[in-house]
Amino acid sequence: MARISPLPLTDDPEVGAALSNFKKSLGFVPNAALIMQHKPAIAKGFAMLSWAMWGPDSEVDVGFKRLISHVSSSVHGCRY
């Protein structure tokens, strides 16, 4: 069981709007982002950082980014 419960996406409209970009790029909002809503500034900052890396303005192919993420996670023993 999680020590800190995730909040529903609609809890704070401003943060919810920032986190909705996860839904656009991943198809879901990660629990870590939902938990960060307990500190709205952190949630918004995390969402902005993620969108800067994964947003449509990037010059790097999204498939290549996903491959890099997978290899990096595997090398470090992360199965998420």
PDB file of N, CA and C in Angstrom:
ATOM      1  N   MET A   1       0.833  -1.186   0.000  1.00  0.00           N
ATOM      2  CA  MET A   1       0.000   0.000   0.000  1.00  0.00           C
ATOM      3  C   MET A   1       0.878   1.249   0.000  1.00  0.00           C
ATOM      4  N   ALA A   2       0.477   2.235  -0.769  1.00  0.00           N
ATOM      5  CA  ALA A   2       1.237   3.479  -0.875  1.00  0.00           C
ATOM      6  C   ALA A   2       1.200   4.252   0.435  1.00  0.00           C
ATOM      7  N   ARG A   3       2.317   4.860   0.778  1.00  0.00           N
ATOM      8  CA  ARG A   3       2.387   5.688   1.980  1.00  0.00           C
ATOM      9  C   ARG A   3       1.633   6.987   1.793  1.00  0.00           C
ATOM     10  N   ILE A   4       1.698   7.519   0.597  1.00  0.00           N
ATOM     11  CA  ILE A   4       0.984   8.749   0.255  1.00  0.00           C
ATOM     12  C   ILE A   4       0.014   8.419  -0.864  1.00  0.00           C
ATOM     13  N   SER A   5      -1.234   8.716  -0.650  1.00  0.00           N
ATOM     14  CA  SER A   5      -2.255   8.383  -1.651  1.00  0.00           C
ATOM     15  C   SER A   5      -2.249   9.368  -2.809  1.00  0.00           C
ATOM     16  N   PRO A   6      -2.416   8.860  -4.043  1.00  0.00           N
ATOM     17  CA  PRO A   6      -2.571   9.758  -5.188  1.00  0.00           C
ATOM     18  C   PRO A   6      -3.895  10.511  -5.076  1.00  0.00           C
ATOM     19  N   LEU A   7      -3.899  11.740  -5.546  1.00  0.00           N
ATOM     20  CA  LEU A   7      -5.120  12.536  -5.580  1.00  0.00           C
ATOM     21  C   LEU A   7      -5.773  12.379  -6.944  1.00  0.00           C
ATOM     22  N   PRO A   8      -7.084  12.513  -7.010  1.00  0.00           N
ATOM     23  CA  PRO A   8      -7.735  12.475  -8.324  1.00  0.00           C
ATOM     24  C   PRO A   8      -7.228  13.624  -9.193  1.00  0.00           C
ATOM     25  N   LEU A   9      -7.186  13.409 -10.470  1.00  0.00           N
ATOM     26  CA  LEU A   9      -6.660  14.411 -11.400  1.00  0.00           C
ATOM     27  C   LEU A   9      -7.408  15.730 -11.315  1.00  0.00           C
ATOM     28  N   THR A  10      -8.643  15.724 -10.954  1.00  0.00           N
ATOM     29  CA  THR A  10      -9.457  16.933 -10.941  1.00  0.00           C
ATOM     30  C   THR A  10      -9.359  17.713  -9.633  1.00  0.00           C
ATOM     31  N   ASP A  11      -8.487  17.311  -8.710  1.00  0.00           N
ATOM     32  CA  ASP A  11      -8.417  17.953  -7.397  1.00  0.00           C
ATOM     33  C   ASP A  11      -8.090  19.446  -7.485  1.00  0.00           C
ATOM     34  N   ASP A  12      -7.118  19.821  -8.295  1.00  0.00           N
ATOM     35  CA  ASP A  12      -6.728  21.230  -8.484  1.00  0.00           C
ATOM     36  C   ASP A  12      -6.781  21.507  -9.986  1.00  0.00           C
ATOM     37  N   PRO A  13      -7.697  22.364 -10.433  1.00  0.00           N
ATOM     38  CA  PRO A  13      -7.856  22.580 -11.882  1.00  0.00           C
ATOM     39  C   PRO A  13      -6.583  23.031 -12.592  1.00  0.00           C
ATOM     40  N   GLU A  14      -5.782  23.879 -11.953  1.00  0.00           N
ATOM     41  CA  GLU A  14      -4.554  24.372 -12.588  1.00  0.00           C
ATOM     42  C   GLU A  14      -3.538  23.243 -12.754  1.00  0.00           C
ATOM     43  N   VAL A  15      -3.370  22.449 -11.715  1.00  0.00           N
ATOM     44  CA  VAL A  15      -2.446  21.316 -11.780  1.00  0.00           C
ATOM     45  C   VAL A  15      -3.002  20.250 -12.724  1.00  0.00           C
ATOM     46  N   GLY A  16      -4.297  20.031 -12.659  1.00  0.00           N
ATOM     47  CA  GLY A  16      -4.929  19.055 -13.542  1.00  0.00           C
ATOM     48  C   GLY A  16      -4.693  19.369 -15.006  1.00  0.00           C
ATOM     49  N   ALA A  17      -4.735  20.650 -15.343  1.00  0.00           N
ATOM     50  CA  ALA A  17      -4.481  21.055 -16.734  1.00  0.00           C
ATOM     51  C   ALA A  17      -3.038  20.744 -17.127  1.00  0.00           C
ATOM     52  N   ALA A  18      -2.094  20.989 -16.214  1.00  0.00           N
ATOM     53  CA  ALA A  18      -0.691  20.698 -16.508  1.00  0.00           C
ATOM     54  C   ALA A  18      -0.461  19.195 -16.644  1.00  0.00           C
ATOM     55  N   LEU A  19      -1.093  18.414 -15.766  1.00  0.00           N
ATOM     56  CA  LEU A  19      -0.891  16.968 -15.796  1.00  0.00           C
ATOM     57  C   LEU A  19      -1.645  16.283 -16.929  1.00  0.00           C
ATOM     58  N   SER A  20      -2.590  16.973 -17.520  1.00  0.00           N
ATOM     59  CA  SER A  20      -3.340  16.363 -18.625  1.00  0.00           C
ATOM     60  C   SER A  20      -2.439  16.087 -19.825  1.00  0.00           C
ATOM     61  N   ASN A  21      -1.288  16.750 -19.898  1.00  0.00           N
ATOM     62  CA  ASN A  21      -0.343  16.478 -20.987  1.00  0.00           C
ATOM     63  C   ASN A  21       0.184  15.043 -20.921  1.00  0.00           C
ATOM     64  N   PHE A  22       0.245  14.477 -19.709  1.00  0.00           N
ATOM     65  CA  PHE A  22       0.652  13.071 -19.596  1.00  0.00           C
ATOM     66  C   PHE A  22      -0.336  12.184 -20.336  1.00  0.00           C
ATOM     67  N   LYS A  23      -1.603  12.509 -20.195  1.00  0.00           N
ATOM     68  CA  LYS A  23      -2.639  11.717 -20.855  1.00  0.00           C
ATOM     69  C   LYS A  23      -2.468  11.796 -22.374  1.00  0.00           C
ATOM     70  N   LYS A  24      -2.075  12.994 -22.861  1.00  0.00           N
ATOM     71  CA  LYS A  24      -1.865  13.160 -24.305  1.00  0.00           C
ATOM     72  C   LYS A  24      -0.675  12.343 -24.798  1.00  0.00           C
ATOM     73  N   SER A  25       0.422  12.358 -24.023  1.00  0.00           N
ATOM     74  CA  SER A  25       1.639  11.700 -24.500  1.00  0.00           C
ATOM     75  C   SER A  25       1.732  10.232 -24.113  1.00  0.00           C
ATOM     76  N   LEU A  26       1.249   9.854 -22.924  1.00  0.00           N
ATOM     77  CA  LEU A  26       1.372   8.473 -22.460  1.00  0.00           C
ATOM     78  C   LEU A  26       0.075   7.683 -22.541  1.00  0.00           C
ATOM     79  N   GLY A  27      -1.037   8.394 -22.550  1.00  0.00           N
ATOM     80  CA  GLY A  27      -2.333   7.730 -22.517  1.00  0.00           C
ATOM     81  C   GLY A  27      -2.876   7.567 -21.106  1.00  0.00           C
ATOM     82  N   PHE A  28      -2.088   7.979 -20.103  1.00  0.00           N
ATOM     83  CA  PHE A  28      -2.499   7.906 -18.701  1.00  0.00           C
ATOM     84  C   PHE A  28      -1.674   8.912 -17.908  1.00  0.00           C
ATOM     85  N   VAL A  29      -2.073   9.160 -16.682  1.00  0.00           N
ATOM     86  CA  VAL A  29      -1.304  10.032 -15.784  1.00  0.00           C
ATOM     87  C   VAL A  29      -0.626   9.130 -14.754  1.00  0.00           C
ATOM     88  N   PRO A  30       0.711   9.129 -14.686  1.00  0.00           N
ATOM     89  CA  PRO A  30       1.419   8.261 -13.743  1.00  0.00           C
ATOM     90  C   PRO A  30       1.033   8.570 -12.293  1.00  0.00           C
ATOM     91  N   ASN A  31       1.004   7.524 -11.465  1.00  0.00           N
ATOM     92  CA  ASN A  31       0.689   7.709 -10.054  1.00  0.00           C
ATOM     93  C   ASN A  31       1.636   8.689  -9.382  1.00  0.00           C
ATOM     94  N   ALA A  32       2.910   8.683  -9.771  1.00  0.00           N
ATOM     95  CA  ALA A  32       3.868   9.612  -9.172  1.00  0.00           C
ATOM     96  C   ALA A  32       3.412  11.054  -9.375  1.00  0.00           C
ATOM     97  N   ALA A  33       2.896  11.358 -10.551  1.00  0.00           N
ATOM     98  CA  ALA A  33       2.411  12.717 -10.827  1.00  0.00           C
ATOM     99  C   ALA A  33       1.165  13.022 -10.011  1.00  0.00           C
ATOM    100  N   LEU A  34       0.296  12.028  -9.835  1.00  0.00           N
ATOM    101  CA  LEU A  34      -0.916  12.233  -9.035  1.00  0.00           C
ATOM    102  C   LEU A  34      -0.566  12.449  -7.565  1.00  0.00           C
ATOM    103  N   ILE A  35       0.473  11.781  -7.089  1.00  0.00           N
ATOM    104  CA  ILE A  35       0.927  11.973  -5.708  1.00  0.00           C
ATOM    105  C   ILE A  35       1.545  13.356  -5.540  1.00  0.00           C
ATOM    106  N   MET A  36       2.268  13.827  -6.547  1.00  0.00           N
ATOM    107  CA  MET A  36       2.901  15.149  -6.472  1.00  0.00           C
ATOM    108  C   MET A  36       1.884  16.273  -6.320  1.00  0.00           C
ATOM    109  N   GLN A  37       0.630  16.009  -6.618  1.00  0.00           N
ATOM    110  CA  GLN A  37      -0.401  17.041  -6.478  1.00  0.00           C
ATOM    111  C   GLN A  37      -0.559  17.515  -5.034  1.00  0.00           C
ATOM    112  N   HIS A  38      -0.046  16.748  -4.075  1.00  0.00           N
ATOM    113  CA  HIS A  38      -0.077  17.198  -2.683  1.00  0.00           C
ATOM    114  C   HIS A  38       0.737  18.490  -2.525  1.00  0.00           C
ATOM    115  N   LYS A  39       1.721  18.681  -3.385  1.00  0.00           N
ATOM    116  CA  LYS A  39       2.514  19.922  -3.458  1.00  0.00           C
ATOM    117  C   LYS A  39       2.357  20.446  -4.880  1.00  0.00           C
ATOM    118  N   PRO A  40       1.352  21.288  -5.138  1.00  0.00           N
ATOM    119  CA  PRO A  40       1.022  21.712  -6.500  1.00  0.00           C
ATOM    120  C   PRO A  40       2.201  22.284  -7.298  1.00  0.00           C
ATOM    121  N   ALA A  41       3.085  23.027  -6.658  1.00  0.00           N
ATOM    122  CA  ALA A  41       4.218  23.606  -7.395  1.00  0.00           C
ATOM    123  C   ALA A  41       5.133  22.504  -7.936  1.00  0.00           C
ATOM    124  N   ILE A  42       5.313  21.446  -7.163  1.00  0.00           N
ATOM    125  CA  ILE A  42       6.144  20.325  -7.615  1.00  0.00           C
ATOM    126  C   ILE A  42       5.460  19.613  -8.783  1.00  0.00           C
ATOM    127  N   ALA A  43       4.168  19.392  -8.665  1.00  0.00           N
ATOM    128  CA  ALA A  43       3.431  18.708  -9.738  1.00  0.00           C
ATOM    129  C   ALA A  43       3.499  19.505 -11.036  1.00  0.00           C
ATOM    130  N   LYS A  44       3.305  20.818 -10.940  1.00  0.00           N
ATOM    131  CA  LYS A  44       3.360  21.652 -12.151  1.00  0.00           C
ATOM    132  C   LYS A  44       4.765  21.665 -12.745  1.00  0.00           C
ATOM    133  N   GLY A  45       5.786  21.776 -11.884  1.00  0.00           N
ATOM    134  CA  GLY A  45       7.170  21.771 -12.364  1.00  0.00           C
ATOM    135  C   GLY A  45       7.537  20.467 -13.041  1.00  0.00           C
ATOM    136  N   PHE A  46       7.117  19.348 -12.440  1.00  0.00           N
ATOM    137  CA  PHE A  46       7.366  18.029 -13.021  1.00  0.00           C
ATOM    138  C   PHE A  46       6.676  17.893 -14.376  1.00  0.00           C
ATOM    139  N   ALA A  47       5.436  18.367 -14.447  1.00  0.00           N
ATOM    140  CA  ALA A  47       4.688  18.295 -15.706  1.00  0.00           C
ATOM    141  C   ALA A  47       5.363  19.136 -16.789  1.00  0.00           C
ATOM    142  N   MET A  48       5.853  20.315 -16.418  1.00  0.00           N
ATOM    143  CA  MET A  48       6.524  21.185 -17.398  1.00  0.00           C
ATOM    144  C   MET A  48       7.823  20.544 -17.886  1.00  0.00           C
ATOM    145  N   LEU A  49       8.589  19.957 -16.968  1.00  0.00           N
ATOM    146  CA  LEU A  49       9.835  19.283 -17.349  1.00  0.00           C
ATOM    147  C   LEU A  49       9.552  18.112 -18.288  1.00  0.00           C
ATOM    148  N   SER A  50       8.561  17.310 -17.937  1.00  0.00           N
ATOM    149  CA  SER A  50       8.212  16.162 -18.772  1.00  0.00           C
ATOM    150  C   SER A  50       7.742  16.597 -20.151  1.00  0.00           C
ATOM    151  N   TRP A  51       6.929  17.653 -20.199  1.00  0.00           N
ATOM    152  CA  TRP A  51       6.416  18.125 -21.488  1.00  0.00           C
ATOM    153  C   TRP A  51       7.554  18.677 -22.343  1.00  0.00           C
ATOM    154  N   ALA A  52       8.548  19.303 -21.706  1.00  0.00           N
ATOM    155  CA  ALA A  52       9.698  19.813 -22.459  1.00  0.00           C
ATOM    156  C   ALA A  52      10.464  18.668 -23.117  1.00  0.00           C
ATOM    157  N   MET A  53      10.514  17.524 -22.443  1.00  0.00           N
ATOM    158  CA  MET A  53      11.240  16.379 -23.003  1.00  0.00           C
ATOM    159  C   MET A  53      10.391  15.573 -23.970  1.00  0.00           C
ATOM    160  N   TRP A  54       9.096  15.417 -23.692  1.00  0.00           N
ATOM    161  CA  TRP A  54       8.252  14.511 -24.453  1.00  0.00           C
ATOM    162  C   TRP A  54       7.258  15.204 -25.369  1.00  0.00           C
ATOM    163  N   GLY A  55       7.196  16.534 -25.309  1.00  0.00           N
ATOM    164  CA  GLY A  55       6.232  17.278 -26.112  1.00  0.00           C
ATOM    165  C   GLY A  55       6.504  17.201 -27.603  1.00  0.00           C
ATOM    166  N   PRO A  56       5.571  17.661 -28.394  1.00  0.00           N
ATOM    167  CA  PRO A  56       5.674  17.544 -29.851  1.00  0.00           C
ATOM    168  C   PRO A  56       6.739  18.434 -30.491  1.00  0.00           C
ATOM    169  N   ASP A  57       7.280  19.397 -29.750  1.00  0.00           N
ATOM    170  CA  ASP A  57       8.286  20.294 -30.319  1.00  0.00           C
ATOM    171  C   ASP A  57       9.682  19.689 -30.330  1.00  0.00           C
ATOM    172  N   SER A  58       9.845  18.514 -29.760  1.00  0.00           N
ATOM    173  CA  SER A  58      11.154  17.881 -29.671  1.00  0.00           C
ATOM    174  C   SER A  58      11.655  17.466 -31.050  1.00  0.00           C
ATOM    175  N   GLU A  59      12.956  17.528 -31.239  1.00  0.00           N
ATOM    176  CA  GLU A  59      13.562  17.125 -32.506  1.00  0.00           C
ATOM    177  C   GLU A  59      13.921  15.634 -32.517  1.00  0.00           C
ATOM    178  N   VAL A  60      13.865  14.988 -31.363  1.00  0.00           N
ATOM    179  CA  VAL A  60      14.216  13.570 -31.261  1.00  0.00           C
ATOM    180  C   VAL A  60      12.946  12.736 -31.391  1.00  0.00           C
ATOM    181  N   ASP A  61      12.999  11.699 -32.196  1.00  0.00           N
ATOM    182  CA  ASP A  61      11.860  10.824 -32.428  1.00  0.00           C
ATOM    183  C   ASP A  61      11.378  10.204 -31.116  1.00  0.00           C
ATOM    184  N   VAL A  62      10.067  10.197 -30.898  1.00  0.00           N
ATOM    185  CA  VAL A  62       9.499   9.692 -29.646  1.00  0.00           C
ATOM    186  C   VAL A  62       9.794   8.202 -29.458  1.00  0.00           C
ATOM    187  N   GLY A  63       9.831   7.450 -30.519  1.00  0.00           N
ATOM    188  CA  GLY A  63      10.168   6.030 -30.418  1.00  0.00           C
ATOM    189  C   GLY A  63      11.589   5.823 -29.916  1.00  0.00           C
ATOM    190  N   PHE A  64      12.509   6.662 -30.383  1.00  0.00           N
ATOM    191  CA  PHE A  64      13.900   6.583 -29.931  1.00  0.00           C
ATOM    192  C   PHE A  64      13.995   6.956 -28.454  1.00  0.00           C
ATOM    193  N   LYS A  65      13.229   7.966 -28.030  1.00  0.00           N
ATOM    194  CA  LYS A  65      13.221   8.352 -26.613  1.00  0.00           C
ATOM    195  C   LYS A  65      12.707   7.208 -25.745  1.00  0.00           C
ATOM    196  N   ARG A  66      11.663   6.533 -26.213  1.00  0.00           N
ATOM    197  CA  ARG A  66      11.119   5.408 -25.441  1.00  0.00           C
ATOM    198  C   ARG A  66      12.135   4.273 -25.356  1.00  0.00           C
ATOM    199  N   LEU A  67      12.877   4.046 -26.437  1.00  0.00           N
ATOM    200  CA  LEU A  67      13.910   3.023 -26.432  1.00  0.00           C
ATOM    201  C   LEU A  67      15.002   3.372 -25.418  1.00  0.00           C
ATOM    202  N   ILE A  68      15.446   4.618 -25.425  1.00  0.00           N
ATOM    203  CA  ILE A  68      16.460   5.068 -24.464  1.00  0.00           C
ATOM    204  C   ILE A  68      15.945   4.904 -23.039  1.00  0.00           C
ATOM    205  N   SER A  69      14.686   5.252 -22.806  1.00  0.00           N
ATOM    206  CA  SER A  69      14.094   5.108 -21.475  1.00  0.00           C
ATOM    207  C   SER A  69      14.072   3.651 -21.046  1.00  0.00           C
ATOM    208  N   HIS A  70      13.693   2.781 -21.956  1.00  0.00           N
ATOM    209  CA  HIS A  70      13.627   1.346 -21.650  1.00  0.00           C
ATOM    210  C   HIS A  70      15.012   0.795 -21.312  1.00  0.00           C
ATOM    211  N   VAL A  71      15.996   1.098 -22.139  1.00  0.00           N
ATOM    212  CA  VAL A  71      17.352   0.589 -21.909  1.00  0.00           C
ATOM    213  C   VAL A  71      17.906   1.138 -20.596  1.00  0.00           C
ATOM    214  N   SER A  72      17.706   2.429 -20.351  1.00  0.00           N
ATOM    215  CA  SER A  72      18.198   3.042 -19.119  1.00  0.00           C
ATOM    216  C   SER A  72      17.556   2.400 -17.891  1.00  0.00           C
ATOM    217  N   SER A  73      16.252   2.186 -17.943  1.00  0.00           N
ATOM    218  CA  SER A  73      15.557   1.539 -16.827  1.00  0.00           C
ATOM    219  C   SER A  73      16.044   0.119 -16.625  1.00  0.00           C
ATOM    220  N   SER A  74      16.219  -0.616 -17.711  1.00  0.00           N
ATOM    221  CA  SER A  74      16.684  -2.003 -17.622  1.00  0.00           C
ATOM    222  C   SER A  74      18.075  -2.090 -17.016  1.00  0.00           C
ATOM    223  N   VAL A  75      18.960  -1.220 -17.447  1.00  0.00           N
ATOM    224  CA  VAL A  75      20.327  -1.224 -16.943  1.00  0.00           C
ATOM    225  C   VAL A  75      20.355  -0.979 -15.436  1.00  0.00           C
ATOM    226  N   HIS A  76      19.433  -0.167 -14.957  1.00  0.00           N
ATOM    227  CA  HIS A  76      19.396   0.187 -13.537  1.00  0.00           C
ATOM    228  C   HIS A  76      18.459  -0.701 -12.723  1.00  0.00           C
ATOM    229  N   GLY A  77      17.922  -1.759 -13.339  1.00  0.00           N
ATOM    230  CA  GLY A  77      17.104  -2.720 -12.617  1.00  0.00           C
ATOM    231  C   GLY A  77      15.674  -2.270 -12.364  1.00  0.00           C
ATOM    232  N   CYS A  78      15.238  -1.215 -13.037  1.00  0.00           N
ATOM    233  CA  CYS A  78      13.873  -0.719 -12.862  1.00  0.00           C
ATOM    234  C   CYS A  78      12.951  -1.447 -13.837  1.00  0.00           C
ATOM    235  N   ARG A  79      11.855  -1.972 -13.333  1.00  0.00           N
ATOM    236  CA  ARG A  79      10.919  -2.682 -14.196  1.00  0.00           C
ATOM    237  C   ARG A  79       9.656  -1.874 -14.460  1.00  0.00           C
ATOM    238  N   TYR A  80       9.671  -0.596 -14.072  1.00  0.00           N
ATOM    239  CA  TYR A  80       8.484   0.254 -14.244  1.00  0.00           C
ATOM    240  C   TYR A  80       8.296   0.625 -15.684  1.00  0.00           C
TER     241      TYR A  80
END
